[in-house]
Amino acid sequence: MAPEVARDKASFMVQAKSLSLAVSLNTTTSLFMAQTVLRVFAAVSTLAAICVMATSSQTIVLFGFTIRAHYSYSSATRFLFVTDAIVCASSLLSLIFVYHLSRSGSNLKTCFYLFLHDMVITVLAISGCAAGTAVGYISRYGEEKMGWMAVCNRVKSFCNHMTISMVLSYVAFLSYLALAVMSSNKVMYEANGEYQGNERQACP
């Protein structure tokens, strides 16, 4: 009777380990797919934002003077342009790192580096969006107390293009915000697994 119980127990342990391994592999695959999709989404969004911003230009004649509106005339929109370019390039480069991570297996160190990258890009993306939003709000609504007049009523086409670019930039920011949350969760998971592994090794 005892050998049968031992065999049943051993069989149950093997099945539990197999199930745990299958769940772990499925979770890793899903995480890799989500990471890949979000990074591609961020790259495409910022690339589209750059294209829209670079081609947004409008020339009007006001009181006999020719006035041209272009993103490069504002330091805030130039900063947004640069941050979008950095986010786009970083997204494409990080795809290589994520692919390598999925092939070689993750550990606490590599997961932390990925989290650090995603957090830095998230902060950079929101700083560019904030700068662009501030100057865009003043351009569209003005600031009466400061004596700043709205200009979007005269260059509507340019402002509409910049609004589209801003929305695309915010989409990239939200993508990286989700990536940062996912990366931090992965770091916590790896740290917990490493801690439990060290505890098991320390047990007599």
N, C-alpha and C. Protein backbone atom coordinates (compact mmCIF):
# COMPACT_ATOMS: atom_id res chain seq x y z
N MET A 1 0.84 -1.22 0.00
CA MET A 1 0.00 0.00 0.00
C MET A 1 0.86 1.26 0.00
N ALA A 2 1.92 1.20 0.81
CA ALA A 2 2.80 2.38 0.91
C ALA A 2 3.48 2.71 -0.41
N PRO A 3 3.99 1.68 -1.16
CA PRO A 3 4.61 2.00 -2.46
C PRO A 3 3.64 2.64 -3.44
N GLU A 4 2.37 2.19 -3.42
CA GLU A 4 1.38 2.79 -4.32
C GLU A 4 1.14 4.26 -3.97
N VAL A 5 1.07 4.56 -2.69
CA VAL A 5 0.88 5.95 -2.25
C VAL A 5 2.08 6.80 -2.68
N ALA A 6 3.26 6.22 -2.54
CA ALA A 6 4.47 6.95 -2.93
C ALA A 6 4.48 7.22 -4.43
N ARG A 7 4.06 6.20 -5.22
CA ARG A 7 4.01 6.39 -6.67
C ARG A 7 2.99 7.45 -7.06
N ASP A 8 1.82 7.40 -6.42
CA ASP A 8 0.78 8.40 -6.70
C ASP A 8 1.26 9.81 -6.35
N LYS A 9 1.96 9.90 -5.23
CA LYS A 9 2.47 11.21 -4.81
C LYS A 9 3.51 11.72 -5.79
N ALA A 10 4.39 10.82 -6.23
CA ALA A 10 5.42 11.22 -7.19
C ALA A 10 4.80 11.62 -8.51
N SER A 11 3.78 10.88 -8.95
CA SER A 11 3.09 11.21 -10.20
C SER A 11 2.39 12.57 -10.10
N PHE A 12 1.78 12.81 -8.95
CA PHE A 12 1.12 14.10 -8.74
C PHE A 12 2.12 15.26 -8.79
N MET A 13 3.30 15.05 -8.18
CA MET A 13 4.32 16.09 -8.17
C MET A 13 4.83 16.38 -9.57
N VAL A 14 5.00 15.33 -10.37
CA VAL A 14 5.46 15.51 -11.76
C VAL A 14 4.42 16.28 -12.57
N GLN A 15 3.15 15.92 -12.40
CA GLN A 15 2.09 16.61 -13.12
C GLN A 15 2.00 18.08 -12.70
N ALA A 16 2.17 18.35 -11.40
CA ALA A 16 2.12 19.73 -10.91
C ALA A 16 3.26 20.56 -11.48
N LYS A 17 4.45 19.94 -11.53
CA LYS A 17 5.61 20.65 -12.10
C LYS A 17 5.42 20.91 -13.59
N SER A 18 4.86 19.94 -14.30
CA SER A 18 4.61 20.11 -15.74
C SER A 18 3.61 21.22 -15.99
N LEU A 19 2.54 21.23 -15.17
CA LEU A 19 1.52 22.27 -15.31
C LEU A 19 2.11 23.64 -15.00
N SER A 20 2.94 23.71 -13.96
CA SER A 20 3.57 24.98 -13.59
C SER A 20 4.48 25.48 -14.70
N LEU A 21 5.24 24.55 -15.32
CA LEU A 21 6.13 24.92 -16.41
C LEU A 21 5.34 25.41 -17.62
N ALA A 22 4.22 24.73 -17.93
CA ALA A 22 3.40 25.14 -19.07
C ALA A 22 2.81 26.53 -18.85
N VAL A 23 2.33 26.79 -17.63
CA VAL A 23 1.77 28.11 -17.32
C VAL A 23 2.85 29.18 -17.42
N SER A 24 4.05 28.85 -16.92
CA SER A 24 5.17 29.81 -16.97
C SER A 24 5.55 30.15 -18.41
N LEU A 25 5.61 29.11 -19.26
CA LEU A 25 5.95 29.34 -20.67
C LEU A 25 4.88 30.16 -21.37
N ASN A 26 3.61 29.88 -21.07
CA ASN A 26 2.51 30.62 -21.67
C ASN A 26 2.54 32.08 -21.24
N THR A 27 2.84 32.33 -19.96
CA THR A 27 2.93 33.70 -19.46
C THR A 27 4.08 34.45 -20.10
N THR A 28 5.23 33.77 -20.24
CA THR A 28 6.40 34.39 -20.87
C THR A 28 6.12 34.75 -22.32
N THR A 29 5.45 33.85 -23.04
CA THR A 29 5.12 34.12 -24.45
C THR A 29 4.16 35.30 -24.57
N SER A 30 3.15 35.34 -23.70
CA SER A 30 2.19 36.45 -23.73
C SER A 30 2.88 37.77 -23.41
N LEU A 31 3.79 37.76 -22.44
CA LEU A 31 4.52 38.96 -22.07
C LEU A 31 5.39 39.44 -23.21
N PHE A 32 6.06 38.50 -23.89
CA PHE A 32 6.91 38.85 -25.03
C PHE A 32 6.07 39.48 -26.15
N MET A 33 4.91 38.90 -26.43
CA MET A 33 4.04 39.43 -27.48
C MET A 33 3.55 40.83 -27.12
N ALA A 34 3.14 41.03 -25.87
CA ALA A 34 2.66 42.35 -25.43
C ALA A 34 3.78 43.38 -25.51
N GLN A 35 4.98 43.00 -25.08
CA GLN A 35 6.13 43.90 -25.16
C GLN A 35 6.42 44.29 -26.60
N THR A 36 6.38 43.31 -27.49
CA THR A 36 6.68 43.57 -28.90
C THR A 36 5.63 44.49 -29.53
N VAL A 37 4.36 44.18 -29.29
CA VAL A 37 3.27 44.98 -29.90
C VAL A 37 3.31 46.43 -29.42
N LEU A 38 3.51 46.63 -28.12
CA LEU A 38 3.52 47.99 -27.57
C LEU A 38 4.72 48.79 -28.07
N ARG A 39 5.87 48.15 -28.22
CA ARG A 39 7.05 48.86 -28.73
C ARG A 39 6.89 49.21 -30.20
N VAL A 40 6.34 48.30 -30.97
CA VAL A 40 6.06 48.60 -32.38
C VAL A 40 5.03 49.72 -32.48
N PHE A 41 4.02 49.67 -31.63
CA PHE A 41 2.97 50.70 -31.62
C PHE A 41 3.57 52.07 -31.29
N ALA A 42 4.47 52.11 -30.30
CA ALA A 42 5.12 53.37 -29.93
C ALA A 42 6.00 53.89 -31.05
N ALA A 43 6.73 52.99 -31.71
CA ALA A 43 7.60 53.40 -32.82
C ALA A 43 6.78 53.96 -33.99
N VAL A 44 5.70 53.27 -34.33
CA VAL A 44 4.86 53.72 -35.45
C VAL A 44 4.19 55.06 -35.11
N SER A 45 3.72 55.20 -33.87
CA SER A 45 3.04 56.44 -33.46
C SER A 45 3.98 57.63 -33.51
N THR A 46 5.19 57.46 -32.97
CA THR A 46 6.14 58.58 -32.99
C THR A 46 6.62 58.88 -34.40
N LEU A 47 6.79 57.85 -35.22
CA LEU A 47 7.20 58.09 -36.61
C LEU A 47 6.12 58.87 -37.36
N ALA A 48 4.87 58.51 -37.14
CA ALA A 48 3.76 59.24 -37.76
C ALA A 48 3.70 60.67 -37.24
N ALA A 49 3.93 60.85 -35.92
CA ALA A 49 3.92 62.19 -35.33
C ALA A 49 5.02 63.06 -35.93
N ILE A 50 6.19 62.47 -36.14
CA ILE A 50 7.31 63.22 -36.74
C ILE A 50 6.97 63.63 -38.16
N CYS A 51 6.40 62.70 -38.93
CA CYS A 51 6.05 63.02 -40.33
C CYS A 51 5.01 64.13 -40.42
N VAL A 52 3.99 64.05 -39.56
CA VAL A 52 2.94 65.07 -39.56
C VAL A 52 3.51 66.42 -39.14
N MET A 53 4.36 66.39 -38.11
CA MET A 53 4.93 67.63 -37.60
C MET A 53 5.87 68.28 -38.63
N ALA A 54 6.69 67.46 -39.28
CA ALA A 54 7.66 67.99 -40.24
C ALA A 54 6.99 68.59 -41.48
N THR A 55 5.82 68.07 -41.82
CA THR A 55 5.12 68.57 -43.02
C THR A 55 4.06 69.62 -42.68
N SER A 56 3.93 69.97 -41.40
CA SER A 56 2.93 70.97 -41.03
C SER A 56 3.51 72.36 -41.22
N SER A 57 3.01 73.05 -42.19
CA SER A 57 3.48 74.40 -42.49
C SER A 57 2.35 75.18 -43.17
N GLN A 58 2.24 76.44 -42.83
CA GLN A 58 1.21 77.28 -43.43
C GLN A 58 1.71 78.71 -43.53
N THR A 59 1.45 79.33 -44.65
CA THR A 59 1.87 80.71 -44.89
C THR A 59 0.63 81.57 -45.13
N ILE A 60 0.56 82.68 -44.43
CA ILE A 60 -0.56 83.62 -44.59
C ILE A 60 -0.01 85.03 -44.80
N VAL A 61 -0.86 85.89 -45.32
CA VAL A 61 -0.52 87.30 -45.48
C VAL A 61 -1.39 88.10 -44.53
N LEU A 62 -0.75 88.82 -43.60
CA LEU A 62 -1.46 89.58 -42.58
C LEU A 62 -0.96 91.02 -42.59
N PHE A 63 -1.88 91.96 -42.92
CA PHE A 63 -1.53 93.39 -42.99
C PHE A 63 -0.35 93.64 -43.92
N GLY A 64 -0.34 92.91 -45.01
CA GLY A 64 0.72 93.11 -46.00
C GLY A 64 2.01 92.37 -45.69
N PHE A 65 2.07 91.68 -44.57
CA PHE A 65 3.26 90.91 -44.19
C PHE A 65 3.00 89.42 -44.39
N THR A 66 3.99 88.74 -44.92
CA THR A 66 3.90 87.29 -45.11
C THR A 66 4.39 86.59 -43.84
N ILE A 67 3.52 85.79 -43.27
CA ILE A 67 3.85 85.08 -42.03
C ILE A 67 3.76 83.58 -42.29
N ARG A 68 4.80 82.88 -41.89
CA ARG A 68 4.85 81.43 -42.09
C ARG A 68 4.90 80.74 -40.73
N ALA A 69 4.05 79.73 -40.56
CA ALA A 69 4.02 78.95 -39.33
C ALA A 69 4.68 77.59 -39.59
N HIS A 70 5.62 77.23 -38.73
CA HIS A 70 6.33 75.96 -38.87
C HIS A 70 6.76 75.49 -37.49
N TYR A 71 6.83 74.17 -37.31
CA TYR A 71 7.15 73.64 -35.98
C TYR A 71 8.52 74.09 -35.49
N SER A 72 9.46 74.31 -36.41
CA SER A 72 10.84 74.64 -36.02
C SER A 72 10.96 76.05 -35.46
N TYR A 73 9.90 76.87 -35.56
CA TYR A 73 9.97 78.24 -35.05
C TYR A 73 9.72 78.29 -33.54
N SER A 74 9.32 77.20 -32.95
CA SER A 74 9.06 77.14 -31.51
C SER A 74 10.02 76.15 -30.85
N SER A 75 10.66 76.58 -29.77
CA SER A 75 11.59 75.68 -29.07
C SER A 75 10.85 74.49 -28.45
N ALA A 76 9.61 74.70 -28.02
CA ALA A 76 8.83 73.62 -27.41
C ALA A 76 8.50 72.53 -28.42
N THR A 77 8.08 72.92 -29.62
CA THR A 77 7.75 71.91 -30.63
C THR A 77 9.02 71.27 -31.20
N ARG A 78 10.11 72.01 -31.22
CA ARG A 78 11.39 71.38 -31.61
C ARG A 78 11.79 70.32 -30.60
N PHE A 79 11.58 70.63 -29.32
CA PHE A 79 11.87 69.64 -28.27
C PHE A 79 10.99 68.41 -28.42
N LEU A 80 9.71 68.62 -28.73
CA LEU A 80 8.80 67.49 -28.95
C LEU A 80 9.26 66.65 -30.13
N PHE A 81 9.71 67.31 -31.18
CA PHE A 81 10.20 66.61 -32.37
C PHE A 81 11.39 65.71 -32.01
N VAL A 82 12.32 66.26 -31.23
CA VAL A 82 13.51 65.50 -30.84
C VAL A 82 13.14 64.33 -29.93
N THR A 83 12.25 64.57 -28.96
CA THR A 83 11.85 63.49 -28.06
C THR A 83 11.12 62.37 -28.81
N ASP A 84 10.30 62.75 -29.78
CA ASP A 84 9.63 61.73 -30.60
C ASP A 84 10.64 60.90 -31.37
N ALA A 85 11.67 61.56 -31.90
CA ALA A 85 12.71 60.85 -32.64
C ALA A 85 13.46 59.87 -31.73
N ILE A 86 13.76 60.32 -30.50
CA ILE A 86 14.46 59.45 -29.55
C ILE A 86 13.59 58.26 -29.15
N VAL A 87 12.31 58.53 -28.89
CA VAL A 87 11.39 57.45 -28.50
C VAL A 87 11.26 56.44 -29.64
N CYS A 88 11.17 56.92 -30.86
CA CYS A 88 11.04 56.02 -32.02
C CYS A 88 12.28 55.15 -32.16
N ALA A 89 13.47 55.76 -32.09
CA ALA A 89 14.71 55.01 -32.23
C ALA A 89 14.89 54.02 -31.08
N SER A 90 14.57 54.46 -29.86
CA SER A 90 14.71 53.58 -28.70
C SER A 90 13.75 52.40 -28.77
N SER A 91 12.56 52.64 -29.30
CA SER A 91 11.58 51.56 -29.43
C SER A 91 12.09 50.48 -30.38
N LEU A 92 12.66 50.90 -31.50
CA LEU A 92 13.17 49.93 -32.47
C LEU A 92 14.38 49.17 -31.92
N LEU A 93 15.27 49.89 -31.22
CA LEU A 93 16.45 49.22 -30.65
C LEU A 93 16.07 48.27 -29.52
N SER A 94 15.07 48.68 -28.71
CA SER A 94 14.67 47.83 -27.60
C SER A 94 13.99 46.55 -28.07
N LEU A 95 13.45 46.56 -29.29
CA LEU A 95 12.86 45.34 -29.85
C LEU A 95 13.93 44.24 -29.97
N ILE A 96 15.14 44.64 -30.35
CA ILE A 96 16.23 43.68 -30.46
C ILE A 96 16.56 43.09 -29.09
N PHE A 97 16.58 43.97 -28.08
CA PHE A 97 16.89 43.52 -26.72
C PHE A 97 15.81 42.58 -26.20
N VAL A 98 14.56 42.92 -26.44
CA VAL A 98 13.44 42.07 -25.98
C VAL A 98 13.47 40.72 -26.68
N TYR A 99 13.78 40.73 -27.97
CA TYR A 99 13.88 39.45 -28.70
C TYR A 99 15.00 38.58 -28.14
N HIS A 100 16.14 39.21 -27.88
CA HIS A 100 17.26 38.48 -27.28
C HIS A 100 16.88 37.95 -25.89
N LEU A 101 16.14 38.74 -25.16
CA LEU A 101 15.71 38.34 -23.82
C LEU A 101 14.77 37.14 -23.87
N SER A 102 13.90 37.13 -24.87
CA SER A 102 12.95 36.02 -25.00
C SER A 102 13.65 34.73 -25.42
N ARG A 103 14.77 34.85 -26.13
CA ARG A 103 15.49 33.67 -26.60
C ARG A 103 16.42 33.10 -25.53
N SER A 104 17.08 34.01 -24.80
CA SER A 104 18.09 33.58 -23.84
C SER A 104 17.54 33.35 -22.44
N GLY A 105 16.32 33.83 -22.19
CA GLY A 105 15.75 33.71 -20.85
C GLY A 105 16.00 34.96 -20.04
N SER A 106 15.06 35.28 -19.17
CA SER A 106 15.14 36.51 -18.40
C SER A 106 15.76 36.23 -17.04
N ASN A 107 16.40 37.27 -16.50
CA ASN A 107 16.89 37.23 -15.13
C ASN A 107 16.68 38.61 -14.52
N LEU A 108 16.96 38.73 -13.25
CA LEU A 108 16.67 39.97 -12.53
C LEU A 108 17.44 41.15 -13.11
N LYS A 109 18.69 40.93 -13.48
CA LYS A 109 19.54 42.02 -13.98
C LYS A 109 19.02 42.58 -15.30
N THR A 110 18.74 41.70 -16.26
CA THR A 110 18.26 42.15 -17.56
C THR A 110 16.87 42.77 -17.46
N CYS A 111 16.02 42.20 -16.61
CA CYS A 111 14.69 42.77 -16.41
C CYS A 111 14.76 44.16 -15.81
N PHE A 112 15.71 44.37 -14.90
CA PHE A 112 15.87 45.69 -14.30
C PHE A 112 16.35 46.71 -15.34
N TYR A 113 17.28 46.31 -16.20
CA TYR A 113 17.75 47.21 -17.26
C TYR A 113 16.61 47.59 -18.21
N LEU A 114 15.76 46.62 -18.51
CA LEU A 114 14.62 46.90 -19.39
C LEU A 114 13.65 47.85 -18.71
N PHE A 115 13.40 47.63 -17.43
CA PHE A 115 12.52 48.54 -16.68
C PHE A 115 13.11 49.95 -16.62
N LEU A 116 14.42 50.05 -16.40
CA LEU A 116 15.08 51.35 -16.34
C LEU A 116 14.95 52.08 -17.68
N HIS A 117 15.15 51.36 -18.77
CA HIS A 117 15.01 51.94 -20.11
C HIS A 117 13.59 52.46 -20.34
N ASP A 118 12.60 51.63 -20.01
CA ASP A 118 11.21 52.01 -20.24
C ASP A 118 10.81 53.21 -19.39
N MET A 119 11.31 53.27 -18.15
CA MET A 119 10.98 54.40 -17.28
C MET A 119 11.59 55.70 -17.80
N VAL A 120 12.83 55.65 -18.26
CA VAL A 120 13.49 56.85 -18.80
C VAL A 120 12.76 57.34 -20.04
N ILE A 121 12.40 56.43 -20.94
CA ILE A 121 11.70 56.82 -22.16
C ILE A 121 10.31 57.36 -21.85
N THR A 122 9.66 56.79 -20.83
CA THR A 122 8.33 57.30 -20.42
C THR A 122 8.42 58.74 -19.95
N VAL A 123 9.42 59.02 -19.11
CA VAL A 123 9.60 60.39 -18.60
C VAL A 123 9.96 61.34 -19.74
N LEU A 124 10.82 60.89 -20.66
CA LEU A 124 11.20 61.73 -21.80
C LEU A 124 9.99 62.02 -22.68
N ALA A 125 9.17 61.00 -22.91
CA ALA A 125 8.00 61.17 -23.77
C ALA A 125 7.00 62.17 -23.17
N ILE A 126 6.74 62.06 -21.86
CA ILE A 126 5.76 62.97 -21.25
C ILE A 126 6.31 64.39 -21.16
N SER A 127 7.63 64.54 -21.04
CA SER A 127 8.20 65.89 -21.01
C SER A 127 8.02 66.57 -22.36
N GLY A 128 8.24 65.84 -23.45
CA GLY A 128 8.01 66.41 -24.78
C GLY A 128 6.54 66.73 -25.01
N CYS A 129 5.66 65.82 -24.58
CA CYS A 129 4.22 66.06 -24.74
C CYS A 129 3.77 67.27 -23.93
N ALA A 130 4.31 67.41 -22.71
CA ALA A 130 3.93 68.55 -21.86
C ALA A 130 4.37 69.86 -22.48
N ALA A 131 5.59 69.89 -23.02
CA ALA A 131 6.08 71.13 -23.65
C ALA A 131 5.24 71.48 -24.86
N GLY A 132 4.93 70.51 -25.68
CA GLY A 132 4.11 70.76 -26.86
C GLY A 132 2.69 71.17 -26.50
N THR A 133 2.13 70.56 -25.45
CA THR A 133 0.77 70.89 -25.02
C THR A 133 0.69 72.32 -24.52
N ALA A 134 1.71 72.76 -23.78
CA ALA A 134 1.70 74.12 -23.23
C ALA A 134 1.68 75.17 -24.33
N VAL A 135 2.59 75.03 -25.30
CA VAL A 135 2.63 76.03 -26.37
C VAL A 135 1.42 75.89 -27.29
N GLY A 136 0.90 74.66 -27.43
CA GLY A 136 -0.29 74.45 -28.26
C GLY A 136 -1.52 75.10 -27.64
N TYR A 137 -1.64 75.02 -26.32
CA TYR A 137 -2.79 75.64 -25.63
C TYR A 137 -2.76 77.17 -25.81
N ILE A 138 -1.59 77.74 -25.65
CA ILE A 138 -1.47 79.20 -25.81
C ILE A 138 -1.75 79.60 -27.25
N SER A 139 -1.27 78.80 -28.20
CA SER A 139 -1.50 79.12 -29.61
C SER A 139 -2.98 79.05 -29.97
N ARG A 140 -3.70 78.14 -29.34
CA ARG A 140 -5.12 77.98 -29.68
C ARG A 140 -6.03 78.92 -28.90
N TYR A 141 -5.71 79.14 -27.62
CA TYR A 141 -6.61 79.93 -26.77
C TYR A 141 -6.02 81.26 -26.29
N GLY A 142 -4.71 81.42 -26.43
CA GLY A 142 -4.07 82.65 -25.97
C GLY A 142 -4.01 82.73 -24.45
N GLU A 143 -3.51 83.85 -23.96
CA GLU A 143 -3.42 84.10 -22.52
C GLU A 143 -3.63 85.59 -22.29
N GLU A 144 -4.88 85.95 -21.98
CA GLU A 144 -5.24 87.36 -21.90
C GLU A 144 -4.45 88.11 -20.82
N LYS A 145 -4.23 87.49 -19.67
CA LYS A 145 -3.53 88.17 -18.58
C LYS A 145 -2.08 88.50 -18.94
N MET A 146 -1.50 87.68 -19.80
CA MET A 146 -0.12 87.91 -20.22
C MET A 146 -0.05 88.69 -21.53
N GLY A 147 -1.21 88.92 -22.15
CA GLY A 147 -1.23 89.65 -23.41
C GLY A 147 -0.84 88.81 -24.61
N TRP A 148 -0.89 87.49 -24.46
CA TRP A 148 -0.53 86.62 -25.57
C TRP A 148 -1.79 86.28 -26.35
N MET A 149 -1.77 86.55 -27.64
CA MET A 149 -2.94 86.34 -28.49
C MET A 149 -2.92 84.94 -29.10
N ALA A 150 -4.11 84.40 -29.31
CA ALA A 150 -4.23 83.10 -30.01
C ALA A 150 -3.93 83.30 -31.49
N VAL A 151 -3.26 82.32 -32.07
CA VAL A 151 -2.89 82.42 -33.49
C VAL A 151 -3.55 81.33 -34.33
N CYS A 152 -4.14 80.35 -33.67
CA CYS A 152 -4.73 79.23 -34.41
C CYS A 152 -5.95 79.64 -35.23
N ASN A 153 -6.56 80.76 -34.87
CA ASN A 153 -7.69 81.22 -35.68
C ASN A 153 -7.23 81.74 -37.04
N ARG A 154 -5.93 81.97 -37.18
CA ARG A 154 -5.38 82.46 -38.45
C ARG A 154 -4.63 81.36 -39.21
N VAL A 155 -4.06 80.42 -38.49
CA VAL A 155 -3.33 79.31 -39.13
C VAL A 155 -3.95 77.98 -38.68
N LYS A 156 -5.20 77.80 -39.05
CA LYS A 156 -5.96 76.63 -38.59
C LYS A 156 -5.35 75.32 -39.10
N SER A 157 -4.93 75.31 -40.35
CA SER A 157 -4.38 74.08 -40.92
C SER A 157 -3.13 73.64 -40.17
N PHE A 158 -2.26 74.58 -39.87
CA PHE A 158 -1.04 74.26 -39.13
C PHE A 158 -1.37 73.73 -37.74
N CYS A 159 -2.28 74.38 -37.05
CA CYS A 159 -2.64 73.96 -35.70
C CYS A 159 -3.31 72.59 -35.68
N ASN A 160 -4.12 72.32 -36.68
CA ASN A 160 -4.76 71.00 -36.76
C ASN A 160 -3.74 69.89 -36.96
N HIS A 161 -2.75 70.15 -37.81
CA HIS A 161 -1.69 69.18 -38.02
C HIS A 161 -0.90 68.95 -36.73
N MET A 162 -0.61 70.03 -36.02
CA MET A 162 0.15 69.90 -34.77
C MET A 162 -0.67 69.16 -33.70
N THR A 163 -1.98 69.35 -33.72
CA THR A 163 -2.83 68.63 -32.78
C THR A 163 -2.79 67.13 -33.03
N ILE A 164 -2.84 66.75 -34.30
CA ILE A 164 -2.74 65.34 -34.66
C ILE A 164 -1.40 64.77 -34.20
N SER A 165 -0.34 65.53 -34.42
CA SER A 165 0.99 65.09 -33.99
C SER A 165 1.07 64.92 -32.48
N MET A 166 0.42 65.84 -31.75
CA MET A 166 0.41 65.76 -30.29
C MET A 166 -0.33 64.50 -29.82
N VAL A 167 -1.46 64.21 -30.45
CA VAL A 167 -2.24 63.02 -30.07
C VAL A 167 -1.41 61.75 -30.29
N LEU A 168 -0.71 61.68 -31.42
CA LEU A 168 0.14 60.52 -31.71
C LEU A 168 1.27 60.40 -30.69
N SER A 169 1.82 61.54 -30.27
CA SER A 169 2.89 61.52 -29.26
C SER A 169 2.36 61.02 -27.93
N TYR A 170 1.15 61.42 -27.56
CA TYR A 170 0.54 60.93 -26.32
C TYR A 170 0.24 59.43 -26.39
N VAL A 171 -0.09 58.93 -27.57
CA VAL A 171 -0.31 57.49 -27.74
C VAL A 171 0.98 56.73 -27.45
N ALA A 172 2.11 57.26 -27.94
CA ALA A 172 3.40 56.64 -27.67
C ALA A 172 3.73 56.69 -26.17
N PHE A 173 3.41 57.81 -25.53
CA PHE A 173 3.65 57.92 -24.09
C PHE A 173 2.84 56.88 -23.32
N LEU A 174 1.56 56.72 -23.67
CA LEU A 174 0.72 55.73 -22.98
C LEU A 174 1.23 54.31 -23.21
N SER A 175 1.77 54.06 -24.41
CA SER A 175 2.34 52.75 -24.69
C SER A 175 3.52 52.47 -23.77
N TYR A 176 4.38 53.48 -23.60
CA TYR A 176 5.55 53.29 -22.74
C TYR A 176 5.18 53.27 -21.26
N LEU A 177 4.12 53.94 -20.91
CA LEU A 177 3.65 53.86 -19.53
C LEU A 177 3.21 52.42 -19.22
N ALA A 178 2.50 51.82 -20.15
CA ALA A 178 2.10 50.42 -19.98
C ALA A 178 3.32 49.50 -19.95
N LEU A 179 4.32 49.79 -20.79
CA LEU A 179 5.54 48.99 -20.80
C LEU A 179 6.29 49.10 -19.48
N ALA A 180 6.34 50.33 -18.93
CA ALA A 180 7.02 50.53 -17.65
C ALA A 180 6.35 49.73 -16.53
N VAL A 181 5.02 49.71 -16.54
CA VAL A 181 4.29 48.94 -15.53
C VAL A 181 4.57 47.45 -15.70
N MET A 182 4.56 46.98 -16.94
CA MET A 182 4.84 45.57 -17.21
C MET A 182 6.26 45.20 -16.81
N SER A 183 7.22 46.07 -17.12
CA SER A 183 8.62 45.80 -16.78
C SER A 183 8.83 45.77 -15.28
N SER A 184 8.18 46.70 -14.55
CA SER A 184 8.32 46.72 -13.10
C SER A 184 7.72 45.45 -12.48
N ASN A 185 6.61 45.00 -13.05
CA ASN A 185 5.98 43.76 -12.56
C ASN A 185 6.89 42.56 -12.81
N LYS A 186 7.58 42.56 -13.96
CA LYS A 186 8.50 41.48 -14.28
C LYS A 186 9.69 41.49 -13.33
N VAL A 187 10.20 42.68 -13.00
CA VAL A 187 11.31 42.79 -12.05
C VAL A 187 10.90 42.23 -10.69
N MET A 188 9.70 42.58 -10.23
CA MET A 188 9.21 42.08 -8.94
C MET A 188 9.08 40.55 -8.98
N TYR A 189 8.59 40.02 -10.09
CA TYR A 189 8.41 38.58 -10.22
C TYR A 189 9.76 37.86 -10.19
N GLU A 190 10.75 38.39 -10.93
CA GLU A 190 12.08 37.78 -10.96
C GLU A 190 12.76 37.90 -9.60
N ALA A 191 12.60 39.05 -8.94
CA ALA A 191 13.21 39.24 -7.62
C ALA A 191 12.61 38.28 -6.60
N ASN A 192 11.28 38.08 -6.66
CA ASN A 192 10.62 37.15 -5.75
C ASN A 192 11.06 35.71 -6.00
N GLY A 193 11.19 35.35 -7.29
CA GLY A 193 11.64 34.01 -7.62
C GLY A 193 13.07 33.76 -7.18
N GLU A 194 13.93 34.77 -7.34
CA GLU A 194 15.32 34.63 -6.91
C GLU A 194 15.41 34.53 -5.39
N TYR A 195 14.58 35.30 -4.71
CA TYR A 195 14.58 35.27 -3.23
C TYR A 195 14.14 33.90 -2.73
N GLN A 196 13.08 33.35 -3.32
CA GLN A 196 12.59 32.04 -2.92
C GLN A 196 13.62 30.95 -3.22
N GLY A 197 14.33 31.11 -4.36
CA GLY A 197 15.36 30.15 -4.70
C GLY A 197 16.50 30.17 -3.71
N ASN A 198 16.90 31.36 -3.27
CA ASN A 198 17.96 31.48 -2.27
C ASN A 198 17.53 30.89 -0.92
N GLU A 199 16.24 31.08 -0.59
CA GLU A 199 15.73 30.51 0.67
C GLU A 199 15.75 28.99 0.63
N ARG A 200 15.37 28.41 -0.50
CA ARG A 200 15.38 26.95 -0.61
C ARG A 200 16.79 26.39 -0.51
N GLN A 201 17.77 27.12 -1.09
CA GLN A 201 19.14 26.69 -1.00
C GLN A 201 19.68 26.80 0.43
N ALA A 202 19.19 27.78 1.17
CA ALA A 202 19.67 27.98 2.53
C ALA A 202 19.08 26.97 3.51
N CYS A 203 17.94 26.37 3.13
CA CYS A 203 17.31 25.40 4.02
C CYS A 203 18.13 24.11 4.09
N PRO A 204 18.29 23.53 5.28
CA PRO A 204 19.07 22.30 5.41
C PRO A 204 18.34 21.11 4.78
